[in-house]
C-alpha atoms as a PDB file:
ATOM      1  CA  MET A   1      32.005   3.560 -14.468  1.00  0.00           C
ATOM      2  CA  PRO A   2      28.781   1.675 -15.114  1.00  0.00           C
ATOM      3  CA  LEU A   3      26.305   3.094 -17.637  1.00  0.00           C
ATOM      4  CA  ALA A   4      23.595   3.381 -15.037  1.00  0.00           C
ATOM      5  CA  ARG A   5      25.825   5.457 -12.748  1.00  0.00           C
ATOM      6  CA  ILE A   6      26.839   7.700 -15.649  1.00  0.00           C
ATOM      7  CA  VAL A   7      23.223   8.329 -16.557  1.00  0.00           C
ATOM      8  CA  ASP A   8      22.355   9.075 -12.977  1.00  0.00           C
ATOM      9  CA  ARG A   9      25.252  11.326 -12.399  1.00  0.00           C
ATOM     10  CA  TYR A  10      25.468  13.299 -15.632  1.00  0.00           C
ATOM     11  CA  LEU A  11      21.903  13.204 -16.921  1.00  0.00           C
ATOM     12  CA  LEU A  12      19.471  12.716 -14.098  1.00  0.00           C
ATOM     13  CA  GLU A  13      21.250  14.888 -11.468  1.00  0.00           C
ATOM     14  CA  PRO A  14      21.376  18.059 -13.711  1.00  0.00           C
ATOM     15  CA  LEU A  15      17.833  17.399 -14.743  1.00  0.00           C
ATOM     16  CA  PHE A  16      16.494  17.077 -11.195  1.00  0.00           C
ATOM     17  CA  ARG A  17      18.465  20.173 -10.078  1.00  0.00           C
ATOM     18  CA  ARG A  18      16.745  22.150 -12.849  1.00  0.00           C
ATOM     19  CA  MET A  19      13.324  20.709 -12.111  1.00  0.00           C
ATOM     20  CA  PHE A  20      13.568  20.917  -8.320  1.00  0.00           C
ATOM     21  CA  PRO A  21      15.801  23.906  -7.452  1.00  0.00           C
ATOM     22  CA  GLU A  22      17.281  23.878  -3.882  1.00  0.00           C
ATOM     23  CA  PRO A  23      15.301  26.240  -1.591  1.00  0.00           C
ATOM     24  CA  ARG A  24      17.033  28.883   0.432  1.00  0.00           C
ATOM     25  CA  ASP A  25      15.858  27.436   3.690  1.00  0.00           C
ATOM     26  CA  ARG A  26      16.871  23.787   4.157  1.00  0.00           C
ATOM     27  CA  ARG A  27      16.355  23.704   7.911  1.00  0.00           C
ATOM     28  CA  VAL A  28      15.370  20.290   9.283  1.00  0.00           C
ATOM     29  CA  GLY A  29      12.708  19.910  11.996  1.00  0.00           C
ATOM     30  CA  ALA A  30       9.771  17.783  13.117  1.00  0.00           C
ATOM     31  CA  ARG A  31       6.509  19.368  14.070  1.00  0.00           C
ATOM     32  CA  VAL A  32       2.924  18.563  14.745  1.00  0.00           C
ATOM     33  CA  VAL A  33       0.636  20.250  12.109  1.00  0.00           C
ATOM     34  CA  ARG A  34      -2.767  19.064  13.239  1.00  0.00           C
ATOM     35  CA  LYS A  35      -3.861  18.135  16.919  1.00  0.00           C
ATOM     36  CA  GLY A  36      -6.145  15.331  17.592  1.00  0.00           C
ATOM     37  CA  THR A  37      -8.141  14.253  20.529  1.00  0.00           C
ATOM     38  CA  GLY A  38      -6.421  10.947  21.343  1.00  0.00           C
ATOM     39  CA  GLU A  39      -3.077   9.162  21.561  1.00  0.00           C
ATOM     40  CA  LEU A  40      -2.687   7.983  18.006  1.00  0.00           C
ATOM     41  CA  ARG A  41      -0.202   9.863  15.802  1.00  0.00           C
ATOM     42  CA  PHE A  42       0.480   9.775  12.132  1.00  0.00           C
ATOM     43  CA  LEU A  43       4.049  10.844  11.057  1.00  0.00           C
ATOM     44  CA  CYS A  44       4.394  11.881   7.477  1.00  0.00           C
ATOM     45  CA  LEU A  45       7.737  11.742   5.616  1.00  0.00           C
ATOM     46  CA  ALA A  46       8.310  13.244   2.205  1.00  0.00           C
ATOM     47  CA  GLY A  47      10.405  12.084  -0.507  1.00  0.00           C
ATOM     48  CA  ALA A  48      13.334  13.823  -2.193  1.00  0.00           C
ATOM     49  CA  PHE A  49      12.874  17.241  -3.758  1.00  0.00           C
ATOM     50  CA  CYS A  50      10.104  18.187  -1.354  1.00  0.00           C
ATOM     51  CA  ALA A  51      10.888  21.673   0.231  1.00  0.00           C
ATOM     52  CA  ASP A  52       8.051  21.976   2.629  1.00  0.00           C
ATOM     53  CA  THR A  53       6.674  18.830   3.942  1.00  0.00           C
ATOM     54  CA  ALA A  54       3.408  20.217   5.317  1.00  0.00           C
ATOM     55  CA  THR A  55       2.597  21.808   2.023  1.00  0.00           C
ATOM     56  CA  ASN A  56       3.344  18.660   0.016  1.00  0.00           C
ATOM     57  CA  TRP A  57       1.164  16.619   2.397  1.00  0.00           C
ATOM     58  CA  SER A  58      -1.681  19.171   2.608  1.00  0.00           C
ATOM     59  CA  ASP A  59      -4.058  16.872   0.868  1.00  0.00           C
ATOM     60  CA  TRP A  60      -3.093  13.870   3.033  1.00  0.00           C
ATOM     61  CA  ILE A  61      -3.305  15.978   6.144  1.00  0.00           C
ATOM     62  CA  ALA A  62      -6.848  16.988   5.420  1.00  0.00           C
ATOM     63  CA  ASP A  63      -7.842  13.452   4.628  1.00  0.00           C
ATOM     64  CA  LEU A  64      -6.216  11.967   7.705  1.00  0.00           C
ATOM     65  CA  HIS A  65      -7.858  14.568   9.916  1.00  0.00           C
ATOM     66  CA  ASN A  66     -11.252  13.753   8.497  1.00  0.00           C
ATOM     67  CA  ARG A  67     -10.783   9.970   8.840  1.00  0.00           C
ATOM     68  CA  PHE A  68      -8.906   9.994  12.156  1.00  0.00           C
ATOM     69  CA  PRO A  69      -9.941  13.156  14.144  1.00  0.00           C
ATOM     70  CA  GLU A  70      -8.414  11.579  17.317  1.00  0.00           C
ATOM     71  CA  ALA A  71      -5.010  11.499  15.800  1.00  0.00           C
ATOM     72  CA  ASP A  72      -2.124  13.975  15.847  1.00  0.00           C
ATOM     73  CA  ILE A  73      -0.457  14.540  12.452  1.00  0.00           C
ATOM     74  CA  ALA A  74       3.176  15.326  12.415  1.00  0.00           C
ATOM     75  CA  VAL A  75       5.707  15.991   9.606  1.00  0.00           C
ATOM     76  CA  VAL A  76       9.411  16.051   9.359  1.00  0.00           C
ATOM     77  CA  ASN A  77      10.755  18.925   7.173  1.00  0.00           C
ATOM     78  CA  GLY A  78      13.988  18.783   5.246  1.00  0.00           C
ATOM     79  CA  PHE A  79      14.788  19.273   1.634  1.00  0.00           C
ATOM     80  CA  TYR A  80      17.147  16.680   0.140  1.00  0.00           C
ATOM     81  CA  PHE A  81      18.204  15.017  -3.088  1.00  0.00           C
ATOM     82  CA  TYR A  82      18.468  11.237  -3.157  1.00  0.00           C
ATOM     83  CA  TRP A  83      22.237  11.055  -3.945  1.00  0.00           C
ATOM     84  CA  PRO A  84      24.873  10.022  -1.353  1.00  0.00           C
ATOM     85  CA  ASP A  85      26.303  13.371  -0.553  1.00  0.00           C
ATOM     86  CA  GLU A  86      22.972  14.382   0.860  1.00  0.00           C
ATOM     87  CA  ALA A  87      23.194  11.687   3.500  1.00  0.00           C
ATOM     88  CA  ASP A  88      23.810  14.307   6.288  1.00  0.00           C
ATOM     89  CA  VAL A  89      20.511  15.977   5.691  1.00  0.00           C
ATOM     90  CA  MET A  90      18.782  12.570   5.752  1.00  0.00           C
ATOM     91  CA  ARG A  91      20.532  11.668   8.959  1.00  0.00           C
ATOM     92  CA  ALA A  92      19.356  14.960  10.487  1.00  0.00           C
ATOM     93  CA  MET A  93      15.829  14.182   9.470  1.00  0.00           C
ATOM     94  CA  ILE A  94      16.056  10.751  11.025  1.00  0.00           C
ATOM     95  CA  SER A  95      17.488  12.265  14.214  1.00  0.00           C
ATOM     96  CA  GLU A  96      14.595  14.753  14.355  1.00  0.00           C
ATOM     97  CA  ALA A  97      12.020  12.039  13.868  1.00  0.00           C
ATOM     98  CA  LYS A  98      13.634   9.819  16.599  1.00  0.00           C
ATOM     99  CA  ALA A  99      13.413  12.582  19.041  1.00  0.00           C
ATOM    100  CA  LEU A 100       9.725  12.989  18.284  1.00  0.00           C
ATOM    101  CA  LEU A 101       9.051   9.243  18.510  1.00  0.00           C
ATOM    102  CA  ALA A 102      10.986   8.997  21.834  1.00  0.00           C
ATOM    103  CA  ASP A 103       7.769   9.938  23.730  1.00  0.00           C
ATOM    104  CA  LYS A 104       6.519   6.415  22.808  1.00  0.00           C
ATOM    105  CA  ARG A 105       3.049   7.517  21.570  1.00  0.00           C
ATOM    106  CA  PRO A 106       1.404   4.960  19.311  1.00  0.00           C
ATOM    107  CA  THR A 107       2.440   6.059  15.831  1.00  0.00           C
ATOM    108  CA  VAL A 108       1.883   5.034  12.202  1.00  0.00           C
ATOM    109  CA  ILE A 109       4.434   6.371   9.770  1.00  0.00           C
ATOM    110  CA  ILE A 110       3.527   7.129   6.213  1.00  0.00           C
ATOM    111  CA  GLY A 111       6.504   7.598   3.850  1.00  0.00           C
ATOM    112  CA  PHE A 112       6.348   8.651   0.301  1.00  0.00           C
ATOM    113  CA  SER A 113       9.006   7.662  -2.105  1.00  0.00           C
ATOM    114  CA  PHE A 114      12.397   7.969  -0.441  1.00  0.00           C
ATOM    115  CA  GLY A 115      10.555   8.826   2.751  1.00  0.00           C
ATOM    116  CA  GLY A 116       9.738   5.241   3.067  1.00  0.00           C
ATOM    117  CA  LEU A 117      13.467   4.393   3.338  1.00  0.00           C
ATOM    118  CA  LEU A 118      13.846   7.017   6.074  1.00  0.00           C
ATOM    119  CA  ALA A 119      10.986   5.435   7.949  1.00  0.00           C
ATOM    120  CA  LYS A 120      12.780   2.246   8.280  1.00  0.00           C
ATOM    121  CA  ALA A 121      15.989   3.777   9.163  1.00  0.00           C
ATOM    122  CA  MET A 122      14.453   5.661  12.036  1.00  0.00           C
ATOM    123  CA  THR A 123      12.660   2.696  13.502  1.00  0.00           C
ATOM    124  CA  VAL A 124      15.454   0.070  13.580  1.00  0.00           C
ATOM    125  CA  ASP A 125      15.900   0.395  17.349  1.00  0.00           C
ATOM    126  CA  ARG A 126      12.609  -0.993  18.587  1.00  0.00           C
ATOM    127  CA  ASP A 127      13.173  -0.122  22.221  1.00  0.00           C
ATOM    128  CA  HIS A 128      13.006   3.619  21.670  1.00  0.00           C
ATOM    129  CA  HIS A 129       9.512   4.224  20.017  1.00  0.00           C
ATOM    130  CA  ASP A 130       6.084   2.758  19.705  1.00  0.00           C
ATOM    131  CA  VAL A 131       5.655   2.675  15.834  1.00  0.00           C
ATOM    132  CA  ARG A 132       2.763   0.345  15.288  1.00  0.00           C
ATOM    133  CA  ALA A 133       3.092   0.193  11.475  1.00  0.00           C
ATOM    134  CA  ILE A 134       4.959   1.635   8.513  1.00  0.00           C
ATOM    135  CA  VAL A 135       3.171   2.485   5.263  1.00  0.00           C
ATOM    136  CA  THR A 136       5.290   3.190   2.224  1.00  0.00           C
ATOM    137  CA  LEU A 137       4.002   4.811  -1.050  1.00  0.00           C
ATOM    138  CA  ALA A 138       5.996   4.378  -4.152  1.00  0.00           C
ATOM    139  CA  THR A 139       9.182   3.618  -2.224  1.00  0.00           C
ATOM    140  CA  GLU A 140      12.201   2.135  -3.944  1.00  0.00           C
ATOM    141  CA  HIS A 141      12.990  -0.494  -1.434  1.00  0.00           C
ATOM    142  CA  ARG A 142      14.947  -2.660  -3.757  1.00  0.00           C
ATOM    143  CA  GLY A 143      16.591   0.034  -5.833  1.00  0.00           C
ATOM    144  CA  HIS A 144      17.609   0.277  -9.430  1.00  0.00           C
ATOM    145  CA  LEU A 145      19.720   3.474  -9.467  1.00  0.00           C
ATOM    146  CA  PRO A 146      23.217   2.994  -8.160  1.00  0.00           C
ATOM    147  CA  ARG A 147      23.393   5.993  -6.065  1.00  0.00           C
ATOM    148  CA  ILE A 148      19.971   5.438  -4.487  1.00  0.00           C
ATOM    149  CA  ALA A 149      21.411   1.928  -3.470  1.00  0.00           C
ATOM    150  CA  GLU A 150      24.589   3.533  -2.121  1.00  0.00           C
ATOM    151  CA  THR A 151      22.640   6.104  -0.133  1.00  0.00           C
ATOM    152  CA  ARG A 152      20.254   3.413   1.216  1.00  0.00           C
ATOM    153  CA  ASP A 153      22.710   0.601   1.883  1.00  0.00           C
ATOM    154  CA  ILE A 154      26.034   2.300   2.654  1.00  0.00           C
ATOM    155  CA  ARG A 155      25.369   5.820   3.834  1.00  0.00           C
ATOM    156  CA  LEU A 156      22.251   5.169   5.870  1.00  0.00           C
ATOM    157  CA  GLY A 157      22.304   1.420   6.332  1.00  0.00           C
ATOM    158  CA  VAL A 158      18.729   1.007   5.727  1.00  0.00           C
ATOM    159  CA  PRO A 159      17.525  -2.703   6.109  1.00  0.00           C
ATOM    160  CA  MET A 160      15.238  -4.333   3.760  1.00  0.00           C
ATOM    161  CA  ASP A 161      12.775  -5.133   6.533  1.00  0.00           C
ATOM    162  CA  VAL A 162      12.439  -3.953  10.068  1.00  0.00           C
ATOM    163  CA  ASP A 163      10.488  -5.600  12.939  1.00  0.00           C
ATOM    164  CA  ILE A 164       7.456  -3.584  12.420  1.00  0.00           C
ATOM    165  CA  PRO A 165       4.390  -4.337  10.233  1.00  0.00           C
ATOM    166  CA  THR A 166       4.902  -2.768   6.942  1.00  0.00           C
ATOM    167  CA  TYR A 167       2.357  -2.071   4.273  1.00  0.00           C
ATOM    168  CA  SER A 168       3.683  -1.046   0.922  1.00  0.00           C
ATOM    169  CA  PHE A 169       2.063   0.334  -2.272  1.00  0.00           C
ATOM    170  CA  GLY A 170       3.345   0.593  -5.783  1.00  0.00           C
ATOM    171  CA  GLY A 171       1.982   2.091  -9.065  1.00  0.00           C
ATOM    172  CA  TRP A 172       1.929   0.145 -12.209  1.00  0.00           C
ATOM    173  CA  LEU A 173       2.109   3.374 -14.232  1.00  0.00           C
ATOM    174  CA  ASP A 174       4.958   4.780 -12.130  1.00  0.00           C
ATOM    175  CA  VAL A 175       7.940   5.869 -14.472  1.00  0.00           C
ATOM    176  CA  ILE A 176       9.948   7.278 -11.559  1.00  0.00           C
ATOM    177  CA  VAL A 177      10.180   4.236  -9.248  1.00  0.00           C
ATOM    178  CA  TRP A 178       9.790   0.911 -10.954  1.00  0.00           C
ATOM    179  CA  PRO A 179       6.770  -1.056  -9.519  1.00  0.00           C
ATOM    180  CA  TRP A 180       8.746  -4.221  -8.874  1.00  0.00           C
ATOM    181  CA  THR A 181      11.046  -2.308  -6.424  1.00  0.00           C
ATOM    182  CA  THR A 182       8.264  -1.033  -4.199  1.00  0.00           C
ATOM    183  CA  PHE A 183       7.898  -3.931  -1.858  1.00  0.00           C
ATOM    184  CA  THR A 184      10.073  -5.727   0.815  1.00  0.00           C
ATOM    185  CA  ASP A 185      10.426  -9.504   1.557  1.00  0.00           C
ATOM    186  CA  ARG A 186       7.981  -9.090   4.401  1.00  0.00           C
ATOM    187  CA  SER A 187       5.691  -6.205   3.570  1.00  0.00           C
ATOM    188  CA  ARG A 188       1.977  -6.544   2.798  1.00  0.00           C
ATOM    189  CA  HIS A 189       1.920  -5.124  -0.678  1.00  0.00           C
ATOM    190  CA  ARG A 190      -0.717  -3.727  -3.118  1.00  0.00           C
ATOM    191  CA  PHE A 191      -0.315  -2.453  -6.640  1.00  0.00           C
ATOM    192  CA  PHE A 192      -2.590   0.258  -8.037  1.00  0.00           C
ATOM    193  CA  ALA A 193      -2.944   1.445 -11.664  1.00  0.00           C
ATOM    194  CA  THR A 194      -1.503   4.765 -10.926  1.00  0.00           C
ATOM    195  CA  GLY A 195       1.670   6.927 -11.100  1.00  0.00           C
ATOM    196  CA  HIS A 196       4.224   8.178  -8.816  1.00  0.00           C
ATOM    197  CA  PHE A 197       2.853  11.436  -7.706  1.00  0.00           C
ATOM    198  CA  ALA A 198      -0.784  10.170  -7.716  1.00  0.00           C
ATOM    199  CA  PHE A 199      -0.090   8.733  -4.327  1.00  0.00           C
ATOM    200  CA  MET A 200       0.246  12.217  -3.026  1.00  0.00           C
ATOM    201  CA  HIS A 201      -2.147  14.281  -5.089  1.00  0.00           C
ATOM    202  CA  ARG A 202      -4.808  12.012  -6.640  1.00  0.00           C
ATOM    203  CA  LYS A 203      -7.874  11.620  -4.455  1.00  0.00           C
ATOM    204  CA  ALA A 204      -8.913   8.264  -5.642  1.00  0.00           C
ATOM    205  CA  THR A 205      -5.512   6.848  -4.926  1.00  0.00           C
ATOM    206  CA  ARG A 206      -5.391   8.329  -1.452  1.00  0.00           C
ATOM    207  CA  THR A 207      -8.839   6.988  -0.702  1.00  0.00           C
ATOM    208  CA  LYS A 208      -7.622   3.416  -1.543  1.00  0.00           C
ATOM    209  CA  VAL A 209      -4.659   3.882   0.797  1.00  0.00           C
ATOM    210  CA  LEU A 210      -6.791   5.313   3.496  1.00  0.00           C
ATOM    211  CA  ALA A 211      -9.099   2.298   3.443  1.00  0.00           C
ATOM    212  CA  VAL A 212      -6.065   0.137   4.239  1.00  0.00           C
ATOM    213  CA  LEU A 213      -4.889   2.620   6.835  1.00  0.00           C
ATOM    214  CA  GLU A 214      -8.323   2.191   8.692  1.00  0.00           C
ATOM    215  CA  GLU A 215      -7.572  -1.597   8.775  1.00  0.00           C
ATOM    216  CA  VAL A 216      -4.059  -0.965  10.002  1.00  0.00           C
ATOM    217  CA  VAL A 217      -5.254   1.358  12.787  1.00  0.00           C
ATOM    218  CA  ARG A 218      -7.791  -1.216  13.816  1.00  0.00           C
ATOM    219  CA  ARG A 219      -5.354  -4.056  13.784  1.00  0.00           C
ATOM    220  CA  HIS A 220      -2.444  -2.340  15.598  1.00  0.00           C
END
């Protein structure tokens, strides 16, 4: 067994299970958490270990509502770990998102960490949605942990790129997802001098991403 897989299985997994205990309620579901006045919709996808998506995205939801009052803001709930035996939960989240996107409202998806991979998985079939752009925050597109790669490539079949404009962001100070794994072959990428969770909880980092989002909305 390769050393990286041993470290992931016998060191990181027990550590993450202690740091992020599994919640009692692991129900999966998509819902709108803020109604807007127009057709645009943002769909927010949390990463692994996030029990309540709306709670974890509360800062983002407030910022998006202030910047884009015309837009609906939706989330897909579902607690999951990143390893392969959690693939059924991820598939359920993808299915819920596809059902939401089937109304073909113009949508921009924002995916944090592993959520960026789910965003690509749910938008492969271009005929069944109107996703205008995907924005990924500290997402491990290229993968350095073997079981992330197995989940992404084998269990979910996530492609490196989809036929949708993709805007990726990485943090030079990210010790959870290596910076050089956070972009794809075709994404428009930016690095910030920030860490992993700063993309969710640091106002200055969100403000930089929101400035790009304004350009994305105008462009698409």
